[in-house]
């Protein structure tokens, strides 16, 4: 009976082994598909990658501060300096060292009480930026006669970008007999752009005089300009033959409005006021002349 059971157990064990193996095979990875076979074939046929030929460094990159430059900068040579700073060629055209300038600041007709008069104020210079010969002239005519006229010849030396020192001689043609003066002064651009000229004179017999002129330009537009102007004149001695008294002699103020067609040509209209003081006022009263006078003016300002 035991033998029969043993044989039956062996038979059962032999019959169930294939089924148990087949059942466990279902839990393994699924069989590869056609796509997987193609991928496997493609990967199999690819050549190996040569990282050295591609220039890739498989090692860890070095620190930037420790790496030496691939191409060191060569030192600067004399040839490099010569190429960067070439020598100037000879024969280049330079601005002339000597220049000139002539300007009629006032060339005008004056409306008088009994007719018309004329007046002028002009200046010119010749030379360089540092050393110049100056010519200055001013005068008036009334009823066809020259009432006053003078000419100054001065040497000017630039002492700053805005100021010149001048020295020379002045000759008065009118009023009275002609006379000569030694002249010393300064001229230039004061703060706030005031054109200023101050000159002292020493004449024969210890005569002294001084004039101060100041003017300013107000730009209403680029071409329309308003110019206020003031002039003071004083004398150290009384001179009845010329109608001049000691101390402050005259004060003249003007206001002119000009239109600059060009910088060289500008017509203008304006008004001028003059007042005599001290001994000069007394001399005018003795001659029956007005101490104070207001005039309308019209003229042209030009330079070349």
Protein backbone atom coordinates (compact mmCIF):
# COMPACT_ATOMS: atom_id res chain seq x y z
CA UNK A 1 0.00 0.00 0.00
CA UNK A 2 2.89 2.38 0.82
CA UNK A 3 4.54 1.61 -2.49
CA UNK A 4 1.36 2.44 -4.32
CA UNK A 5 1.21 5.87 -2.56
CA UNK A 6 4.86 6.56 -3.36
CA UNK A 7 4.40 5.90 -7.01
CA UNK A 8 1.32 8.12 -7.11
CA UNK A 9 3.24 11.01 -5.44
CA UNK A 10 6.05 10.69 -7.94
CA UNK A 11 3.64 10.74 -10.85
CA UNK A 12 1.89 13.84 -9.55
CA UNK A 13 5.12 15.62 -8.99
CA UNK A 14 6.31 14.91 -12.50
CA UNK A 15 3.01 16.09 -14.03
CA UNK A 16 2.76 19.40 -12.14
CA UNK A 17 6.37 20.61 -12.71
CA UNK A 18 5.83 21.79 -16.31
CA UNK A 19 2.59 23.58 -15.35
CA UNK A 20 4.28 25.30 -12.39
CA UNK A 21 7.12 26.46 -14.60
CA UNK A 22 4.73 27.75 -17.25
CA UNK A 23 2.71 29.65 -14.64
CA UNK A 24 5.79 31.41 -13.24
CA UNK A 25 6.96 32.39 -16.72
CA UNK A 26 4.04 34.84 -17.01
CA UNK A 27 5.59 37.01 -14.24
CA UNK A 28 8.84 37.66 -16.21
CA UNK A 29 9.53 40.73 -18.51
CA UNK A 30 7.41 40.77 -21.68
CA UNK A 31 9.08 39.73 -24.88
CA UNK A 32 10.72 42.52 -26.91
CA UNK A 33 8.64 44.17 -29.62
CA UNK A 34 9.65 45.06 -33.17
CA UNK A 35 10.43 48.65 -32.12
CA UNK A 36 12.69 47.41 -29.35
CA UNK A 37 14.53 45.17 -31.80
CA UNK A 38 15.06 48.14 -34.13
CA UNK A 39 16.42 50.27 -31.30
CA UNK A 40 18.70 47.51 -30.24
CA UNK A 41 19.93 47.02 -33.76
CA UNK A 42 20.55 50.81 -34.23
CA UNK A 43 22.46 51.10 -30.99
CA UNK A 44 24.43 48.06 -31.86
CA UNK A 45 25.53 49.50 -35.22
CA UNK A 46 26.49 53.02 -33.88
CA UNK A 47 30.24 53.65 -33.69
CA UNK A 48 31.73 54.52 -30.31
CA UNK A 49 32.03 58.25 -29.51
CA UNK A 50 35.60 59.61 -29.43
CA UNK A 51 35.47 62.39 -26.83
CA UNK A 52 39.12 63.24 -27.30
CA UNK A 53 38.61 63.90 -31.01
CA UNK A 54 35.63 66.14 -30.25
CA UNK A 55 37.73 68.29 -27.94
CA UNK A 56 35.74 67.44 -24.82
CA UNK A 57 37.67 67.20 -21.65
CA UNK A 58 36.21 64.52 -19.49
CA UNK A 59 38.10 65.84 -16.51
CA UNK A 60 36.66 68.47 -14.16
CA UNK A 61 37.09 72.04 -15.49
CA UNK A 62 39.95 74.03 -14.04
CA UNK A 63 39.40 77.23 -12.02
CA UNK A 64 39.19 80.45 -14.12
CA UNK A 65 41.68 82.31 -11.94
CA UNK A 66 44.30 79.61 -12.24
CA UNK A 67 44.02 78.97 -16.00
CA UNK A 68 46.74 80.62 -18.12
CA UNK A 69 45.63 82.57 -21.27
CA UNK A 70 45.65 80.56 -24.43
CA UNK A 71 47.37 83.43 -26.34
CA UNK A 72 49.38 85.81 -24.08
CA UNK A 73 49.27 89.54 -25.08
CA UNK A 74 52.61 90.48 -26.61
CA UNK A 75 54.47 93.50 -25.20
CA UNK A 76 54.03 96.91 -26.95
CA UNK A 77 56.86 97.73 -29.33
CA UNK A 78 58.12 100.98 -30.82
CA UNK A 79 56.47 100.05 -34.11
CA UNK A 80 53.09 99.81 -32.34
CA UNK A 81 53.57 103.24 -30.78
CA UNK A 82 54.55 104.76 -34.12
CA UNK A 83 51.44 103.32 -35.77
CA UNK A 84 49.17 104.64 -33.02
CA UNK A 85 50.72 108.13 -32.91
CA UNK A 86 51.97 109.05 -36.38
CA UNK A 87 54.13 112.10 -36.85
CA UNK A 88 52.37 115.19 -38.24
CA UNK A 89 53.12 115.80 -41.87
CA UNK A 90 55.01 118.91 -42.84
CA UNK A 91 53.28 121.47 -45.00
CA UNK A 92 49.99 121.48 -43.08
CA UNK A 93 47.97 124.69 -43.27
CA UNK A 94 47.81 126.55 -39.97
CA UNK A 95 45.68 129.52 -38.99
CA UNK A 96 47.51 132.80 -39.57
CA UNK A 97 49.27 134.17 -36.52
CA UNK A 98 48.18 137.73 -37.29
CA UNK A 99 44.53 138.72 -37.50
CA UNK A 100 42.50 141.91 -37.73
CA UNK A 101 39.05 143.16 -36.80
CA UNK A 102 37.20 146.41 -37.53
CA UNK A 103 33.79 147.27 -36.07
CA UNK A 104 31.51 150.31 -36.13
CA UNK A 105 29.53 149.76 -32.96
CA UNK A 106 27.58 153.00 -33.57
CA UNK A 107 27.14 154.65 -36.94
CA UNK A 108 23.94 156.58 -36.51
CA UNK A 109 21.78 159.59 -37.29
CA UNK A 110 20.59 161.65 -34.32
CA UNK A 111 17.32 163.58 -34.06
CA UNK A 112 18.22 167.05 -32.70
CA UNK A 113 15.97 169.91 -31.60
CA UNK A 114 16.88 171.91 -34.69
CA UNK A 115 17.77 169.46 -37.41
CA UNK A 116 19.74 166.25 -37.54
CA UNK A 117 23.17 165.15 -36.39
CA UNK A 118 25.49 162.18 -36.75
CA UNK A 119 27.55 160.15 -34.32
CA UNK A 120 30.01 157.29 -34.51
CA UNK A 121 31.97 154.94 -32.28
CA UNK A 122 34.44 152.53 -33.85
CA UNK A 123 37.29 150.29 -32.87
CA UNK A 124 39.79 148.06 -34.63
CA UNK A 125 42.65 145.79 -33.69
CA UNK A 126 45.53 144.12 -35.51
CA UNK A 127 47.80 141.40 -34.12
CA UNK A 128 47.69 138.08 -32.31
CA UNK A 129 45.68 136.73 -29.41
CA UNK A 130 48.22 138.06 -26.91
CA UNK A 131 49.54 141.28 -28.46
CA UNK A 132 47.41 143.73 -30.41
CA UNK A 133 47.45 147.24 -31.76
CA UNK A 134 44.13 148.92 -30.94
CA UNK A 135 42.50 151.88 -32.66
CA UNK A 136 39.49 153.55 -31.05
CA UNK A 137 37.55 156.59 -32.24
CA UNK A 138 34.40 158.43 -31.16
CA UNK A 139 32.73 161.66 -32.23
CA UNK A 140 29.62 163.71 -32.99
CA UNK A 141 28.51 166.13 -35.66
CA UNK A 142 25.72 168.69 -35.39
CA UNK A 143 24.34 170.93 -38.13
CA UNK A 144 27.14 169.93 -40.48
CA UNK A 145 29.96 170.71 -38.01
CA UNK A 146 32.15 168.34 -36.00
CA UNK A 147 31.49 169.04 -32.34
CA UNK A 148 33.75 166.36 -30.87
CA UNK A 149 36.17 163.78 -32.26
CA UNK A 150 39.10 161.76 -30.94
CA UNK A 151 41.43 158.93 -31.95
CA UNK A 152 43.29 156.53 -29.67
CA UNK A 153 46.26 154.36 -30.64
CA UNK A 154 46.93 151.72 -27.98
CA UNK A 155 49.04 148.65 -27.41
CA UNK A 156 47.03 145.84 -25.83
CA UNK A 157 48.34 142.86 -23.93
CA UNK A 158 46.12 139.95 -22.89
CA UNK A 159 46.46 139.22 -19.17
CA UNK A 160 43.65 136.66 -18.90
CA UNK A 161 41.16 134.95 -21.22
CA UNK A 162 38.75 137.88 -20.70
CA UNK A 163 40.86 140.98 -20.04
CA UNK A 164 43.40 143.17 -21.86
CA UNK A 165 45.64 145.89 -20.49
CA UNK A 166 46.08 148.81 -22.90
CA UNK A 167 48.49 151.74 -23.04
CA UNK A 168 49.14 154.39 -25.67
CA UNK A 169 48.13 157.87 -26.77
CA UNK A 170 44.90 159.74 -27.44
CA UNK A 171 44.45 162.77 -29.70
CA UNK A 172 41.45 165.09 -29.31
CA UNK A 173 40.52 166.94 -32.49
CA UNK A 174 37.49 168.67 -30.96
CA UNK A 175 36.19 170.49 -28.95
CA UNK A 176 38.52 173.49 -28.85
CA UNK A 177 42.12 173.18 -29.89
CA UNK A 178 43.56 169.72 -30.41
CA UNK A 179 45.52 168.13 -27.57
CA UNK A 180 47.24 164.86 -26.75
CA UNK A 181 46.97 162.48 -23.82
CA UNK A 182 48.86 159.47 -22.51
CA UNK A 183 46.36 156.66 -22.00
CA UNK A 184 46.33 153.64 -19.67
CA UNK A 185 43.45 151.27 -19.04
CA UNK A 186 41.78 147.87 -19.08
CA UNK A 187 39.03 146.40 -21.23
CA UNK A 188 37.27 143.09 -21.42
CA UNK A 189 34.31 141.02 -20.33
CA UNK A 190 33.23 141.56 -16.72
CA UNK A 191 31.14 139.02 -14.74
CA UNK A 192 27.60 138.51 -16.07
CA UNK A 193 28.92 139.34 -19.59
CA UNK A 194 29.20 143.11 -19.29
CA UNK A 195 31.54 144.62 -21.88
CA UNK A 196 33.63 147.05 -19.85
CA UNK A 197 36.29 149.61 -20.75
CA UNK A 198 38.00 151.92 -18.24
CA UNK A 199 40.76 154.32 -19.34
CA UNK A 200 42.70 157.05 -17.52
CA UNK A 201 44.40 159.94 -19.35
CA UNK A 202 47.23 162.30 -18.47
CA UNK A 203 47.60 165.45 -20.59
CA UNK A 204 49.71 168.60 -20.81
CA UNK A 205 49.99 170.82 -17.75
CA UNK A 206 48.92 168.05 -15.38
CA UNK A 207 45.46 167.65 -16.91
CA UNK A 208 43.78 164.36 -16.12
CA UNK A 209 40.65 162.63 -17.32
CA UNK A 210 38.93 159.24 -17.15
CA UNK A 211 36.18 157.46 -19.04
CA UNK A 212 34.26 154.30 -18.17
CA UNK A 213 31.99 152.52 -20.66
CA UNK A 214 29.79 149.51 -20.04
CA UNK A 215 27.29 147.73 -22.28
CA UNK A 216 25.27 144.57 -22.21
CA UNK A 217 23.44 142.54 -24.83
CA UNK A 218 20.02 141.00 -24.19
CA UNK A 219 19.08 138.35 -26.77
CA UNK A 220 15.33 138.63 -27.32
CA UNK A 221 15.68 136.17 -30.20
CA UNK A 222 18.65 134.81 -32.10
CA UNK A 223 18.57 137.93 -34.30
CA UNK A 224 16.78 140.60 -32.27
CA UNK A 225 19.12 142.07 -29.63
CA UNK A 226 18.58 144.82 -27.07
CA UNK A 227 21.74 146.69 -26.05
CA UNK A 228 21.82 148.97 -22.96
CA UNK A 229 24.90 151.20 -22.78
CA UNK A 230 26.32 153.63 -20.17
CA UNK A 231 29.29 156.01 -20.41
CA UNK A 232 30.82 158.21 -17.69
CA UNK A 233 33.36 160.99 -18.25
CA UNK A 234 35.31 162.93 -15.60
CA UNK A 235 38.10 165.54 -15.56
CA UNK A 236 40.64 166.51 -12.94
CA UNK A 237 40.75 170.24 -13.79
CA UNK A 238 38.34 172.88 -14.99
CA UNK A 239 38.81 173.91 -18.64
CA UNK A 240 36.46 176.71 -19.68
CA UNK A 241 37.80 176.83 -23.26
CA UNK A 242 36.41 173.33 -23.86
CA UNK A 243 33.37 173.68 -21.62
CA UNK A 244 34.60 171.02 -19.21
CA UNK A 245 34.43 171.22 -15.41
CA UNK A 246 36.32 169.25 -12.79
CA UNK A 247 34.82 166.12 -11.30
CA UNK A 248 32.06 164.13 -12.94
CA UNK A 249 31.44 165.81 -16.29
CA UNK A 250 28.79 163.87 -18.22
CA UNK A 251 26.69 160.72 -17.98
CA UNK A 252 25.25 159.20 -21.12
CA UNK A 253 22.89 156.22 -21.28
CA UNK A 254 21.43 154.59 -24.35
CA UNK A 255 19.11 151.78 -25.31
CA UNK A 256 19.33 150.36 -28.84
CA UNK A 257 17.36 147.57 -30.45
CA UNK A 258 19.05 145.96 -33.45
CA UNK A 259 18.18 143.21 -35.88
CA UNK A 260 21.07 141.12 -37.16
CA UNK A 261 20.47 140.12 -40.76
CA UNK A 262 23.99 138.73 -40.38
CA UNK A 263 26.53 139.14 -37.60
CA UNK A 264 28.29 141.67 -39.82
CA UNK A 265 25.30 143.84 -40.62
CA UNK A 266 22.65 144.93 -38.10
CA UNK A 267 20.47 148.07 -38.36
CA UNK A 268 19.06 149.46 -35.12
CA UNK A 269 16.83 152.11 -33.57
CA UNK A 270 17.02 153.50 -30.06
CA UNK A 271 17.07 156.37 -27.63
CA UNK A 272 20.02 158.20 -26.02
CA UNK A 273 19.95 160.34 -22.87
CA UNK A 274 22.74 162.67 -21.69
CA UNK A 275 23.16 164.75 -18.54
CA UNK A 276 25.93 167.21 -17.56
CA UNK A 277 27.09 167.66 -13.96
CA UNK A 278 29.18 170.03 -11.90
CA UNK A 279 31.30 172.58 -13.70
CA UNK A 280 30.38 171.17 -17.10
CA UNK A 281 26.70 171.86 -16.40
CA UNK A 282 27.60 175.40 -15.38
CA UNK A 283 29.51 176.01 -18.60
CA UNK A 284 26.56 174.79 -20.66
CA UNK A 285 24.17 177.08 -18.86
CA UNK A 286 26.50 180.02 -19.54
CA UNK A 287 26.47 179.13 -23.24
CA UNK A 288 22.69 178.82 -23.31
CA UNK A 289 22.79 175.06 -23.88
CA UNK A 290 20.62 172.43 -22.24
CA UNK A 291 22.07 170.50 -19.34
CA UNK A 292 19.97 167.42 -20.13
CA UNK A 293 19.04 166.06 -23.54
CA UNK A 294 17.13 163.07 -24.90
CA UNK A 295 17.50 162.00 -28.54
CA UNK A 296 16.11 159.40 -30.89
CA UNK A 297 18.74 157.54 -32.90
CA UNK A 298 18.79 155.19 -35.88
CA UNK A 299 21.83 153.59 -37.42
CA UNK A 300 23.69 150.46 -38.32
CA UNK A 301 26.23 148.23 -36.58
CA UNK A 302 28.71 146.50 -38.84
CA UNK A 303 32.07 144.81 -38.66
CA UNK A 304 34.57 143.21 -41.01
